[in-house]
Amino acid sequence: MFDFMFGGKRKLELIRELLEQRMREEGFDDMDSRLKVKELGKVQLLGTPEGGIVTIVETVVKSQRQGALLS
């Protein structure tokens, strides 16, 4: 279900896709904008709002799987 939760390329691919969707919705749908997103490094992707959201969801799900209760 959450293949990306174990790090690596899947997590970054998800963040990149979410970032591209946001850019399209804001009117940045040209090829140049899409190439810039594809060129972003790991740290840059993790620093985006999408990177933060994916990391938070990943942390919550991992914690719940380990039996931690979140309130």
PDB file of N, CA and C in Angstrom:
ATOM      1  N   MET A   1       0.816  -1.191   0.000  1.00  0.00           N
ATOM      2  CA  MET A   1       0.000   0.000   0.000  1.00  0.00           C
ATOM      3  C   MET A   1       0.861   1.257   0.000  1.00  0.00           C
ATOM      4  N   PHE A   2       1.800   1.349   0.897  1.00  0.00           N
ATOM      5  CA  PHE A   2       2.665   2.513   0.983  1.00  0.00           C
ATOM      6  C   PHE A   2       4.098   2.103   0.650  1.00  0.00           C
ATOM      7  N   ASP A   3       4.318   1.715  -0.587  1.00  0.00           N
ATOM      8  CA  ASP A   3       5.646   1.265  -0.992  1.00  0.00           C
ATOM      9  C   ASP A   3       6.703   2.338  -0.766  1.00  0.00           C
ATOM     10  N   PHE A   4       6.307   3.598  -0.906  1.00  0.00           N
ATOM     11  CA  PHE A   4       7.260   4.689  -0.796  1.00  0.00           C
ATOM     12  C   PHE A   4       7.779   4.875   0.626  1.00  0.00           C
ATOM     13  N   MET A   5       7.129   4.252   1.602  1.00  0.00           N
ATOM     14  CA  MET A   5       7.474   4.500   2.997  1.00  0.00           C
ATOM     15  C   MET A   5       8.837   3.960   3.392  1.00  0.00           C
ATOM     16  N   PHE A   6       9.422   3.198   2.569  1.00  0.00           N
ATOM     17  CA  PHE A   6      10.721   2.662   2.922  1.00  0.00           C
ATOM     18  C   PHE A   6      11.838   3.434   2.236  1.00  0.00           C
ATOM     19  N   GLY A   7      11.544   4.691   1.905  1.00  0.00           N
ATOM     20  CA  GLY A   7      12.547   5.579   1.339  1.00  0.00           C
ATOM     21  C   GLY A   7      12.831   5.282  -0.116  1.00  0.00           C
ATOM     22  N   GLY A   8      13.891   5.865  -0.574  1.00  0.00           N
ATOM     23  CA  GLY A   8      14.328   5.619  -1.927  1.00  0.00           C
ATOM     24  C   GLY A   8      13.542   6.370  -2.981  1.00  0.00           C
ATOM     25  N   LYS A   9      13.565   5.803  -4.168  1.00  0.00           N
ATOM     26  CA  LYS A   9      13.023   6.485  -5.336  1.00  0.00           C
ATOM     27  C   LYS A   9      11.517   6.680  -5.298  1.00  0.00           C
ATOM     28  N   ARG A  10      10.780   5.743  -4.759  1.00  0.00           N
ATOM     29  CA  ARG A  10       9.313   5.858  -4.779  1.00  0.00           C
ATOM     30  C   ARG A  10       8.831   7.088  -4.014  1.00  0.00           C
ATOM     31  N   LYS A  11       9.421   7.348  -2.894  1.00  0.00           N
ATOM     32  CA  LYS A  11       9.033   8.520  -2.102  1.00  0.00           C
ATOM     33  C   LYS A  11       9.315   9.793  -2.889  1.00  0.00           C
ATOM     34  N   LEU A  12      10.491   9.876  -3.472  1.00  0.00           N
ATOM     35  CA  LEU A  12      10.847  11.063  -4.240  1.00  0.00           C
ATOM     36  C   LEU A  12       9.977  11.202  -5.484  1.00  0.00           C
ATOM     37  N   GLU A  13       9.629  10.086  -6.111  1.00  0.00           N
ATOM     38  CA  GLU A  13       8.744  10.129  -7.277  1.00  0.00           C
ATOM     39  C   GLU A  13       7.368  10.659  -6.896  1.00  0.00           C
ATOM     40  N   LEU A  14       6.858  10.243  -5.747  1.00  0.00           N
ATOM     41  CA  LEU A  14       5.562  10.724  -5.279  1.00  0.00           C
ATOM     42  C   LEU A  14       5.617  12.227  -5.015  1.00  0.00           C
ATOM     43  N   ILE A  15       6.654  12.681  -4.335  1.00  0.00           N
ATOM     44  CA  ILE A  15       6.797  14.109  -4.047  1.00  0.00           C
ATOM     45  C   ILE A  15       6.883  14.900  -5.349  1.00  0.00           C
ATOM     46  N   ARG A  16       7.672  14.395  -6.277  1.00  0.00           N
ATOM     47  CA  ARG A  16       7.835  15.073  -7.568  1.00  0.00           C
ATOM     48  C   ARG A  16       6.495  15.168  -8.300  1.00  0.00           C
ATOM     49  N   GLU A  17       5.718  14.095  -8.296  1.00  0.00           N
ATOM     50  CA  GLU A  17       4.414  14.088  -8.968  1.00  0.00           C
ATOM     51  C   GLU A  17       3.457  15.081  -8.311  1.00  0.00           C
ATOM     52  N   LEU A  18       3.423  15.108  -6.988  1.00  0.00           N
ATOM     53  CA  LEU A  18       2.559  16.057  -6.280  1.00  0.00           C
ATOM     54  C   LEU A  18       2.970  17.499  -6.579  1.00  0.00           C
ATOM     55  N   LEU A  19       4.266  17.750  -6.634  1.00  0.00           N
ATOM     56  CA  LEU A  19       4.765  19.090  -6.946  1.00  0.00           C
ATOM     57  C   LEU A  19       4.380  19.494  -8.368  1.00  0.00           C
ATOM     58  N   GLU A  20       4.509  18.561  -9.304  1.00  0.00           N
ATOM     59  CA  GLU A  20       4.114  18.842 -10.691  1.00  0.00           C
ATOM     60  C   GLU A  20       2.623  19.148 -10.781  1.00  0.00           C
ATOM     61  N   GLN A  21       1.800  18.420 -10.039  1.00  0.00           N
ATOM     62  CA  GLN A  21       0.356  18.679 -10.049  1.00  0.00           C
ATOM     63  C   GLN A  21       0.053  20.074  -9.524  1.00  0.00           C
ATOM     64  N   ARG A  22       0.718  20.462  -8.447  1.00  0.00           N
ATOM     65  CA  ARG A  22       0.489  21.805  -7.892  1.00  0.00           C
ATOM     66  C   ARG A  22       0.903  22.877  -8.892  1.00  0.00           C
ATOM     67  N   MET A  23       2.025  22.672  -9.555  1.00  0.00           N
ATOM     68  CA  MET A  23       2.489  23.654 -10.527  1.00  0.00           C
ATOM     69  C   MET A  23       1.519  23.770 -11.697  1.00  0.00           C
ATOM     70  N   ARG A  24       0.978  22.632 -12.151  1.00  0.00           N
ATOM     71  CA  ARG A  24      -0.003  22.674 -13.243  1.00  0.00           C
ATOM     72  C   ARG A  24      -1.236  23.465 -12.832  1.00  0.00           C
ATOM     73  N   GLU A  25      -1.696  23.236 -11.606  1.00  0.00           N
ATOM     74  CA  GLU A  25      -2.877  23.945 -11.109  1.00  0.00           C
ATOM     75  C   GLU A  25      -2.630  25.445 -10.986  1.00  0.00           C
ATOM     76  N   GLU A  26      -1.377  25.839 -10.773  1.00  0.00           N
ATOM     77  CA  GLU A  26      -1.040  27.254 -10.650  1.00  0.00           C
ATOM     78  C   GLU A  26      -0.657  27.872 -11.992  1.00  0.00           C
ATOM     79  N   GLY A  27      -0.782  27.105 -13.075  1.00  0.00           N
ATOM     80  CA  GLY A  27      -0.539  27.643 -14.407  1.00  0.00           C
ATOM     81  C   GLY A  27       0.857  27.431 -14.965  1.00  0.00           C
ATOM     82  N   PHE A  28       1.687  26.677 -14.280  1.00  0.00           N
ATOM     83  CA  PHE A  28       3.034  26.385 -14.765  1.00  0.00           C
ATOM     84  C   PHE A  28       3.038  25.012 -15.425  1.00  0.00           C
ATOM     85  N   ASP A  29       2.477  24.954 -16.621  1.00  0.00           N
ATOM     86  CA  ASP A  29       2.321  23.660 -17.293  1.00  0.00           C
ATOM     87  C   ASP A  29       3.246  23.511 -18.492  1.00  0.00           C
ATOM     88  N   ASP A  30       4.193  24.424 -18.645  1.00  0.00           N
ATOM     89  CA  ASP A  30       5.085  24.323 -19.794  1.00  0.00           C
ATOM     90  C   ASP A  30       6.205  23.317 -19.531  1.00  0.00           C
ATOM     91  N   MET A  31       6.872  22.948 -20.578  1.00  0.00           N
ATOM     92  CA  MET A  31       7.922  21.923 -20.494  1.00  0.00           C
ATOM     93  C   MET A  31       9.094  22.390 -19.630  1.00  0.00           C
ATOM     94  N   ASP A  32       9.410  23.682 -19.690  1.00  0.00           N
ATOM     95  CA  ASP A  32      10.529  24.204 -18.908  1.00  0.00           C
ATOM     96  C   ASP A  32      10.285  24.020 -17.410  1.00  0.00           C
ATOM     97  N   SER A  33       9.064  24.293 -16.965  1.00  0.00           N
ATOM     98  CA  SER A  33       8.725  24.122 -15.543  1.00  0.00           C
ATOM     99  C   SER A  33       8.813  22.662 -15.134  1.00  0.00           C
ATOM    100  N   ARG A  34       8.333  21.779 -15.994  1.00  0.00           N
ATOM    101  CA  ARG A  34       8.372  20.346 -15.685  1.00  0.00           C
ATOM    102  C   ARG A  34       9.810  19.842 -15.611  1.00  0.00           C
ATOM    103  N   LEU A  35      10.675  20.348 -16.483  1.00  0.00           N
ATOM    104  CA  LEU A  35      12.081  19.942 -16.450  1.00  0.00           C
ATOM    105  C   LEU A  35      12.758  20.422 -15.167  1.00  0.00           C
ATOM    106  N   LYS A  36      12.407  21.626 -14.722  1.00  0.00           N
ATOM    107  CA  LYS A  36      12.994  22.136 -13.479  1.00  0.00           C
ATOM    108  C   LYS A  36      12.621  21.254 -12.292  1.00  0.00           C
ATOM    109  N   VAL A  37      11.382  20.778 -12.271  1.00  0.00           N
ATOM    110  CA  VAL A  37      10.959  19.883 -11.187  1.00  0.00           C
ATOM    111  C   VAL A  37      11.744  18.582 -11.261  1.00  0.00           C
ATOM    112  N   LYS A  38      11.938  18.060 -12.455  1.00  0.00           N
ATOM    113  CA  LYS A  38      12.663  16.795 -12.613  1.00  0.00           C
ATOM    114  C   LYS A  38      14.128  16.926 -12.212  1.00  0.00           C
ATOM    115  N   GLU A  39      14.678  18.139 -12.281  1.00  0.00           N
ATOM    116  CA  GLU A  39      16.082  18.361 -11.951  1.00  0.00           C
ATOM    117  C   GLU A  39      16.320  18.603 -10.458  1.00  0.00           C
ATOM    118  N   LEU A  40      15.254  18.762  -9.683  1.00  0.00           N
ATOM    119  CA  LEU A  40      15.418  19.017  -8.250  1.00  0.00           C
ATOM    120  C   LEU A  40      16.062  17.818  -7.561  1.00  0.00           C
ATOM    121  N   GLY A  41      16.962  18.101  -6.650  1.00  0.00           N
ATOM    122  CA  GLY A  41      17.623  17.048  -5.889  1.00  0.00           C
ATOM    123  C   GLY A  41      16.782  16.599  -4.703  1.00  0.00           C
ATOM    124  N   LYS A  42      17.276  15.605  -4.006  1.00  0.00           N
ATOM    125  CA  LYS A  42      16.551  15.011  -2.880  1.00  0.00           C
ATOM    126  C   LYS A  42      16.247  16.040  -1.791  1.00  0.00           C
ATOM    127  N   VAL A  43      17.239  16.811  -1.388  1.00  0.00           N
ATOM    128  CA  VAL A  43      17.048  17.790  -0.318  1.00  0.00           C
ATOM    129  C   VAL A  43      16.046  18.858  -0.747  1.00  0.00           C
ATOM    130  N   GLN A  44      16.141  19.294  -1.993  1.00  0.00           N
ATOM    131  CA  GLN A  44      15.203  20.303  -2.490  1.00  0.00           C
ATOM    132  C   GLN A  44      13.780  19.764  -2.508  1.00  0.00           C
ATOM    133  N   LEU A  45      13.595  18.528  -2.950  1.00  0.00           N
ATOM    134  CA  LEU A  45      12.258  17.929  -2.972  1.00  0.00           C
ATOM    135  C   LEU A  45      11.698  17.772  -1.567  1.00  0.00           C
ATOM    136  N   LEU A  46      12.524  17.318  -0.642  1.00  0.00           N
ATOM    137  CA  LEU A  46      12.062  17.131   0.733  1.00  0.00           C
ATOM    138  C   LEU A  46      11.732  18.466   1.400  1.00  0.00           C
ATOM    139  N   GLY A  47      12.283  19.559   0.888  1.00  0.00           N
ATOM    140  CA  GLY A  47      12.024  20.879   1.435  1.00  0.00           C
ATOM    141  C   GLY A  47      10.750  21.535   0.933  1.00  0.00           C
ATOM    142  N   THR A  48      10.070  20.908  -0.009  1.00  0.00           N
ATOM    143  CA  THR A  48       8.821  21.469  -0.528  1.00  0.00           C
ATOM    144  C   THR A  48       7.665  21.120   0.405  1.00  0.00           C
ATOM    145  N   PRO A  49       6.551  21.849   0.298  1.00  0.00           N
ATOM    146  CA  PRO A  49       5.377  21.476   1.100  1.00  0.00           C
ATOM    147  C   PRO A  49       4.949  20.029   0.850  1.00  0.00           C
ATOM    148  N   GLU A  50       5.036  19.592  -0.393  1.00  0.00           N
ATOM    149  CA  GLU A  50       4.679  18.208  -0.727  1.00  0.00           C
ATOM    150  C   GLU A  50       5.603  17.226  -0.027  1.00  0.00           C
ATOM    151  N   GLY A  51       6.886  17.559   0.042  1.00  0.00           N
ATOM    152  CA  GLY A  51       7.842  16.704   0.737  1.00  0.00           C
ATOM    153  C   GLY A  51       7.533  16.599   2.219  1.00  0.00           C
ATOM    154  N   GLY A  52       7.134  17.716   2.811  1.00  0.00           N
ATOM    155  CA  GLY A  52       6.757  17.715   4.222  1.00  0.00           C
ATOM    156  C   GLY A  52       5.539  16.854   4.490  1.00  0.00           C
ATOM    157  N   ILE A  53       4.536  16.983   3.633  1.00  0.00           N
ATOM    158  CA  ILE A  53       3.302  16.205   3.809  1.00  0.00           C
ATOM    159  C   ILE A  53       3.576  14.713   3.681  1.00  0.00           C
ATOM    160  N   VAL A  54       4.323  14.329   2.650  1.00  0.00           N
ATOM    161  CA  VAL A  54       4.626  12.908   2.442  1.00  0.00           C
ATOM    162  C   VAL A  54       5.421  12.364   3.627  1.00  0.00           C
ATOM    163  N   THR A  55       6.365  13.137   4.133  1.00  0.00           N
ATOM    164  CA  THR A  55       7.173  12.701   5.272  1.00  0.00           C
ATOM    165  C   THR A  55       6.325  12.557   6.532  1.00  0.00           C
ATOM    166  N   ILE A  56       5.396  13.483   6.752  1.00  0.00           N
ATOM    167  CA  ILE A  56       4.506  13.393   7.918  1.00  0.00           C
ATOM    168  C   ILE A  56       3.631  12.153   7.825  1.00  0.00           C
ATOM    169  N   VAL A  57       3.031  11.922   6.665  1.00  0.00           N
ATOM    170  CA  VAL A  57       2.179  10.739   6.487  1.00  0.00           C
ATOM    171  C   VAL A  57       3.000   9.472   6.691  1.00  0.00           C
ATOM    172  N   GLU A  58       4.191   9.443   6.142  1.00  0.00           N
ATOM    173  CA  GLU A  58       5.078   8.293   6.295  1.00  0.00           C
ATOM    174  C   GLU A  58       5.381   8.025   7.769  1.00  0.00           C
ATOM    175  N   THR A  59       5.686   9.072   8.522  1.00  0.00           N
ATOM    176  CA  THR A  59       6.005   8.947   9.943  1.00  0.00           C
ATOM    177  C   THR A  59       4.809   8.440  10.742  1.00  0.00           C
ATOM    178  N   VAL A  60       3.629   8.980  10.464  1.00  0.00           N
ATOM    179  CA  VAL A  60       2.419   8.559  11.176  1.00  0.00           C
ATOM    180  C   VAL A  60       2.124   7.086  10.918  1.00  0.00           C
ATOM    181  N   VAL A  61       2.181   6.681   9.659  1.00  0.00           N
ATOM    182  CA  VAL A  61       1.867   5.290   9.320  1.00  0.00           C
ATOM    183  C   VAL A  61       2.894   4.343   9.936  1.00  0.00           C
ATOM    184  N   LYS A  62       4.174   4.689   9.855  1.00  0.00           N
ATOM    185  CA  LYS A  62       5.208   3.842  10.457  1.00  0.00           C
ATOM    186  C   LYS A  62       5.011   3.732  11.964  1.00  0.00           C
ATOM    187  N   SER A  63       4.686   4.850  12.610  1.00  0.00           N
ATOM    188  CA  SER A  63       4.470   4.843  14.063  1.00  0.00           C
ATOM    189  C   SER A  63       3.282   3.976  14.437  1.00  0.00           C
ATOM    190  N   GLN A  64       2.213   4.079  13.671  1.00  0.00           N
ATOM    191  CA  GLN A  64       1.030   3.271  13.950  1.00  0.00           C
ATOM    192  C   GLN A  64       1.313   1.789  13.749  1.00  0.00           C
ATOM    193  N   ARG A  65       2.103   1.467  12.755  1.00  0.00           N
ATOM    194  CA  ARG A  65       2.458   0.060  12.526  1.00  0.00           C
ATOM    195  C   ARG A  65       3.275  -0.500  13.680  1.00  0.00           C
ATOM    196  N   GLN A  66       4.019   0.376  14.348  1.00  0.00           N
ATOM    197  CA  GLN A  66       4.837  -0.051  15.487  1.00  0.00           C
ATOM    198  C   GLN A  66       4.062   0.014  16.797  1.00  0.00           C
ATOM    199  N   GLY A  67       2.782   0.361  16.704  1.00  0.00           N
ATOM    200  CA  GLY A  67       1.928   0.358  17.881  1.00  0.00           C
ATOM    201  C   GLY A  67       1.865   1.661  18.649  1.00  0.00           C
ATOM    202  N   ALA A  68       2.486   2.705  18.129  1.00  0.00           N
ATOM    203  CA  ALA A  68       2.439   4.000  18.814  1.00  0.00           C
ATOM    204  C   ALA A  68       1.084   4.651  18.573  1.00  0.00           C
ATOM    205  N   LEU A  69       0.503   5.158  19.626  1.00  0.00           N
ATOM    206  CA  LEU A  69      -0.771   5.858  19.503  1.00  0.00           C
ATOM    207  C   LEU A  69      -0.501   7.341  19.322  1.00  0.00           C
ATOM    208  N   LEU A  70      -1.125   7.912  18.334  1.00  0.00           N
ATOM    209  CA  LEU A  70      -0.963   9.335  18.088  1.00  0.00           C
ATOM    210  C   LEU A  70      -2.242  10.046  18.476  1.00  0.00           C
ATOM    211  N   SER A  71      -2.111  11.077  19.261  1.00  0.00           N
ATOM    212  CA  SER A  71      -3.314  11.807  19.666  1.00  0.00           C
ATOM    213  C   SER A  71      -3.241  13.254  19.248  1.00  0.00           C
TER     214      SER A  71
END
